[in-house]
Amino acid sequence: MNRILDSAEDPRETLDYSYEKQLEMLQNVKRGVVEMVTAKRRIQQQATKVKENITRLERQAKQALDADREDLARLALQRKQNAVMELQGLDEQIEGMEQEQQKLTIAEQRLQTKVDAFRNKKEIIKAQYTAAQAQVRIGAALGGISEEMGDVSLAVQRAENKTDQMRAKAGAIDELVATGVLDDFSGPQDDIERELSQISISQSVEDELAALKGTSPASQTRALPSSSDSAVDAELDSLRNQGSS
């Protein structure tokens, strides 16, 4: 199953999918930073209102003292203290949110760096894969050409073998026709013509044999009488004459 999936899987699509997932993570982190900043701004606005309220209560306390209304001044100062405590709590929240915002910002920057590095590496791997795929296709094409050339070579060899067989068969047929074993139907030829052809062949053979005998050194030597033979003949003639007398 792994081999089947490996053959069906395109690494470029897998890399693009991983890059999209990393982009989603980066967008989530950025969204978290934005939400954090938004919440901090709301708290800051609330803290600003509390500060304004503290300033207003201080003014009211002074006005009450000026009017000899210590009770109202005391009430204004109590509310001021409550507002100051609320402002301290808001400031603490704002400080904590700023720390969280700083952490998220650093995480976002690191993740952005990793995503950018992954994108560059992804493009390099995709380019390498595309180049390797092109090389494989070229190699496969060249392999196909080599196989076709091998088939062509075998076809040429078979054609040459068949041609040699046909030539040998044609030569054998010509030889059989020339010797008379097979009849030649290519043209009109009767028995008389075949006999005359045979006589002509025989006469040519005899003429060539006679010519060879005439040019042979052994035949020339045999034609001339030797000196020993002349002496024998002379002695025989002498014996014949003595017998007759």
Protein backbone atom coordinates (compact mmCIF):
# COMPACT_ATOMS: atom_id res chain seq x y z
CA MET A 1 0.00 0.00 0.00
CA ASN A 2 2.88 2.37 0.80
CA ARG A 3 4.45 1.65 -2.58
CA ILE A 4 1.13 2.29 -4.31
CA LEU A 5 0.65 5.54 -2.43
CA ASP A 6 4.26 6.55 -3.10
CA SER A 7 3.80 6.00 -6.83
CA ALA A 8 0.52 7.92 -6.84
CA GLU A 9 1.70 10.78 -4.62
CA ASP A 10 3.10 13.91 -6.16
CA PRO A 11 5.69 15.50 -3.80
CA ARG A 12 4.98 18.93 -5.23
CA GLU A 13 1.32 18.73 -4.21
CA THR A 14 2.32 17.46 -0.76
CA LEU A 15 4.72 20.37 -0.29
CA ASP A 16 2.11 22.88 -1.42
CA TYR A 17 -0.41 21.37 0.99
CA SER A 18 2.08 21.59 3.88
CA TYR A 19 2.84 25.18 2.97
CA GLU A 20 -0.87 26.04 3.00
CA LYS A 21 -1.20 24.48 6.46
CA GLN A 22 1.72 26.54 7.73
CA LEU A 23 0.16 29.66 6.28
CA GLU A 24 -3.04 28.84 8.14
CA MET A 25 -1.08 28.50 11.39
CA LEU A 26 0.64 31.81 10.72
CA GLN A 27 -2.69 33.47 10.03
CA ASN A 28 -4.07 32.09 13.30
CA VAL A 29 -1.11 33.51 15.21
CA LYS A 30 -1.53 36.88 13.52
CA ARG A 31 -5.24 36.79 14.30
CA GLY A 32 -4.39 36.09 17.93
CA VAL A 33 -2.04 39.08 18.02
CA VAL A 34 -4.73 41.30 16.53
CA GLU A 35 -7.30 40.08 19.06
CA MET A 36 -4.83 40.66 21.87
CA VAL A 37 -4.11 44.19 20.72
CA THR A 38 -7.83 44.87 20.34
CA ALA A 39 -8.57 43.68 23.89
CA LYS A 40 -5.67 45.74 25.23
CA ARG A 41 -7.00 48.81 23.47
CA ARG A 42 -10.43 48.31 25.05
CA ILE A 43 -8.87 48.03 28.51
CA GLN A 44 -6.72 51.08 27.82
CA GLN A 45 -9.84 53.01 26.85
CA GLN A 46 -11.51 51.87 30.06
CA ALA A 47 -8.43 52.91 32.05
CA THR A 48 -8.56 56.33 30.39
CA LYS A 49 -12.17 56.75 31.48
CA VAL A 50 -11.23 55.73 35.04
CA LYS A 51 -8.42 58.31 35.05
CA GLU A 52 -10.86 60.94 33.88
CA ASN A 53 -13.25 59.88 36.63
CA ILE A 54 -10.47 60.17 39.24
CA THR A 55 -9.67 63.67 38.04
CA ARG A 56 -13.37 64.59 38.20
CA LEU A 57 -13.72 63.18 41.75
CA GLU A 58 -10.66 65.14 42.92
CA ARG A 59 -12.23 68.31 41.57
CA GLN A 60 -15.54 67.52 43.25
CA ALA A 61 -13.78 66.90 46.59
CA LYS A 62 -12.11 70.32 46.40
CA GLN A 63 -15.38 71.99 45.51
CA ALA A 64 -17.12 70.28 48.46
CA LEU A 65 -14.43 71.46 50.87
CA ASP A 66 -14.70 74.95 49.49
CA ALA A 67 -18.44 74.76 50.20
CA ASP A 68 -17.86 73.44 53.74
CA ARG A 69 -19.35 70.09 52.72
CA GLU A 70 -16.84 67.74 54.24
CA ASP A 71 -19.26 64.84 53.90
CA LEU A 72 -19.46 65.30 50.13
CA ALA A 73 -15.71 65.72 49.96
CA ARG A 74 -15.25 62.50 51.90
CA LEU A 75 -17.66 60.66 49.59
CA ALA A 76 -15.83 61.97 46.52
CA LEU A 77 -12.49 60.87 47.97
CA GLN A 78 -13.86 57.39 48.74
CA ARG A 79 -15.06 57.02 45.17
CA LYS A 80 -11.68 58.27 44.02
CA GLN A 81 -9.93 55.55 46.01
CA ASN A 82 -12.19 52.92 44.45
CA ALA A 83 -11.39 54.33 41.01
CA VAL A 84 -7.66 54.29 41.79
CA MET A 85 -7.86 50.64 42.80
CA GLU A 86 -9.80 49.87 39.61
CA LEU A 87 -7.18 51.74 37.59
CA GLN A 88 -4.39 49.73 39.19
CA GLY A 89 -6.16 46.51 38.21
CA LEU A 90 -6.61 47.74 34.65
CA ASP A 91 -2.96 48.76 34.47
CA GLU A 92 -1.93 45.30 35.64
CA GLN A 93 -4.16 43.74 32.96
CA ILE A 94 -2.71 46.03 30.32
CA GLU A 95 0.83 45.15 31.38
CA GLY A 96 0.07 41.41 31.26
CA MET A 97 -1.56 41.75 27.87
CA GLU A 98 1.44 43.69 26.56
CA GLN A 99 3.70 40.83 27.67
CA GLU A 100 1.44 38.31 25.96
CA GLN A 101 1.35 40.50 22.88
CA GLN A 102 5.14 40.62 22.85
CA LYS A 103 5.32 36.83 23.11
CA LEU A 104 2.81 36.38 20.31
CA THR A 105 4.67 38.89 18.18
CA ILE A 106 7.96 37.02 18.69
CA ALA A 107 6.21 33.72 17.92
CA GLU A 108 4.69 35.24 14.81
CA GLN A 109 8.06 36.49 13.62
CA ARG A 110 9.69 33.10 14.21
CA LEU A 111 6.85 31.30 12.49
CA GLN A 112 7.00 33.76 9.61
CA THR A 113 10.73 33.05 9.24
CA LYS A 114 10.10 29.30 9.26
CA VAL A 115 7.29 29.63 6.74
CA ASP A 116 9.46 31.72 4.43
CA ALA A 117 12.32 29.22 4.74
CA PHE A 118 9.94 26.36 4.05
CA ARG A 119 8.56 28.18 1.02
CA ASN A 120 12.07 28.64 -0.42
CA LYS A 121 12.98 25.03 0.32
CA LYS A 122 9.67 23.89 -1.16
CA GLU A 123 10.33 25.71 -4.40
CA ILE A 124 13.85 24.27 -4.60
CA ILE A 125 12.59 20.73 -4.00
CA LYS A 126 9.81 21.20 -6.55
CA ALA A 127 12.32 22.46 -9.11
CA GLN A 128 14.63 19.52 -8.39
CA TYR A 129 11.75 17.08 -8.64
CA THR A 130 10.61 18.59 -11.92
CA ALA A 131 14.15 18.38 -13.31
CA ALA A 132 14.51 14.77 -12.14
CA GLN A 133 11.12 13.94 -13.64
CA ALA A 134 12.22 15.46 -16.95
CA GLN A 135 15.42 13.40 -16.84
CA VAL A 136 13.41 10.26 -16.18
CA ARG A 137 11.13 11.02 -19.12
CA ILE A 138 14.12 11.69 -21.38
CA GLY A 139 15.75 8.46 -20.23
CA ALA A 140 12.52 6.56 -20.83
CA ALA A 141 12.26 8.10 -24.29
CA LEU A 142 15.85 7.16 -25.08
CA GLY A 143 15.20 3.66 -23.79
CA GLY A 144 12.21 3.39 -26.09
CA ILE A 145 14.33 4.52 -29.03
CA SER A 146 16.97 1.90 -28.19
CA GLU A 147 14.34 -0.83 -28.04
CA GLU A 148 12.94 0.29 -31.37
CA MET A 149 16.43 0.26 -32.89
CA GLY A 150 16.94 -3.24 -31.51
CA ASP A 151 13.69 -4.33 -33.14
CA VAL A 152 14.81 -2.71 -36.39
CA SER A 153 18.14 -4.55 -36.22
CA LEU A 154 16.35 -7.86 -35.71
CA ALA A 155 14.02 -7.09 -38.61
CA VAL A 156 16.98 -6.28 -40.87
CA GLN A 157 18.74 -9.48 -39.82
CA ARG A 158 15.63 -11.55 -40.54
CA ALA A 159 15.24 -9.85 -43.92
CA GLU A 160 18.88 -10.59 -44.80
CA ASN A 161 18.47 -14.22 -43.77
CA LYS A 162 15.34 -14.57 -45.87
CA THR A 163 17.09 -12.90 -48.82
CA ASP A 164 20.01 -15.34 -48.57
CA GLN A 165 17.60 -18.26 -48.42
CA MET A 166 15.73 -17.02 -51.49
CA ARG A 167 18.99 -16.53 -53.39
CA ALA A 168 20.15 -20.03 -52.51
CA LYS A 169 16.80 -21.47 -53.57
CA ALA A 170 16.87 -19.54 -56.86
CA GLY A 171 20.41 -20.81 -57.57
CA ALA A 172 19.38 -24.38 -56.85
CA ILE A 173 16.40 -24.07 -59.18
CA ASP A 174 18.61 -22.63 -61.95
CA GLU A 175 21.05 -25.51 -61.52
CA LEU A 176 18.28 -28.09 -61.67
CA VAL A 177 16.80 -26.45 -64.75
CA ALA A 178 20.23 -26.39 -66.45
CA THR A 179 20.82 -30.10 -65.81
CA GLY A 180 17.36 -30.96 -67.05
CA VAL A 181 16.04 -32.23 -63.76
CA LEU A 182 13.39 -29.51 -63.82
CA ASP A 183 11.61 -28.29 -66.92
CA ASP A 184 12.04 -24.62 -67.71
CA PHE A 185 8.65 -23.18 -68.61
CA SER A 186 10.01 -19.72 -69.15
CA GLY A 187 10.21 -20.27 -72.92
CA PRO A 188 9.42 -22.86 -75.63
CA GLN A 189 12.05 -25.64 -75.74
CA ASP A 190 11.42 -29.15 -77.15
CA ASP A 191 13.41 -32.40 -76.98
CA ILE A 192 15.50 -31.61 -80.09
CA GLU A 193 16.71 -28.35 -78.63
CA ARG A 194 17.66 -30.09 -75.39
CA GLU A 195 19.59 -32.77 -77.32
CA LEU A 196 21.37 -30.15 -79.38
CA SER A 197 22.23 -28.26 -76.25
CA GLN A 198 23.64 -31.42 -74.68
CA ILE A 199 25.72 -32.14 -77.82
CA SER A 200 27.02 -28.60 -77.81
CA ILE A 201 27.97 -28.96 -74.15
CA SER A 202 29.72 -32.31 -74.82
CA GLN A 203 31.61 -30.92 -77.83
CA SER A 204 32.75 -27.95 -75.79
CA VAL A 205 34.02 -30.30 -73.11
CA GLU A 206 35.94 -32.44 -75.66
CA ASP A 207 37.48 -29.37 -77.33
CA GLU A 208 38.60 -27.98 -74.01
CA LEU A 209 40.04 -31.41 -73.02
CA ALA A 210 41.96 -31.66 -76.29
CA ALA A 211 43.31 -28.18 -75.82
CA LEU A 212 44.49 -29.12 -72.35
CA LYS A 213 46.20 -32.26 -73.67
CA GLY A 214 47.95 -30.27 -76.38
CA THR A 215 49.40 -27.85 -73.91
CA SER A 216 50.39 -30.54 -71.35
CA PRO A 217 54.22 -31.17 -71.05
CA ALA A 218 53.65 -34.88 -70.48
CA SER A 219 51.85 -35.26 -73.79
CA GLN A 220 54.64 -33.44 -75.66
CA THR A 221 57.26 -35.69 -74.10
CA ARG A 222 55.24 -38.76 -75.00
CA ALA A 223 54.98 -37.68 -78.68
CA LEU A 224 58.75 -37.36 -79.27
CA PRO A 225 60.78 -40.73 -79.54
CA SER A 226 63.60 -41.08 -77.05
CA SER A 227 67.24 -42.19 -77.98
CA SER A 228 66.94 -45.49 -76.07
CA ASP A 229 63.91 -46.48 -78.06
CA SER A 230 65.83 -45.84 -81.36
CA ALA A 231 68.68 -48.09 -80.26
CA VAL A 232 66.29 -50.91 -79.40
CA ASP A 233 64.58 -50.64 -82.75
CA ALA A 234 67.95 -50.74 -84.59
CA GLU A 235 69.03 -53.88 -82.71
CA LEU A 236 65.73 -55.59 -83.52
CA ASP A 237 66.16 -54.82 -87.20
CA SER A 238 69.70 -56.31 -87.14
CA LEU A 239 68.45 -59.54 -85.57
CA ARG A 240 65.72 -59.83 -88.12
CA ASN A 241 68.24 -59.51 -90.99
CA GLN A 242 70.53 -62.22 -89.50
CA GLY A 243 67.67 -64.64 -89.19
CA SER A 244 66.58 -64.24 -92.75
CA SER A 245 70.13 -64.94 -94.09
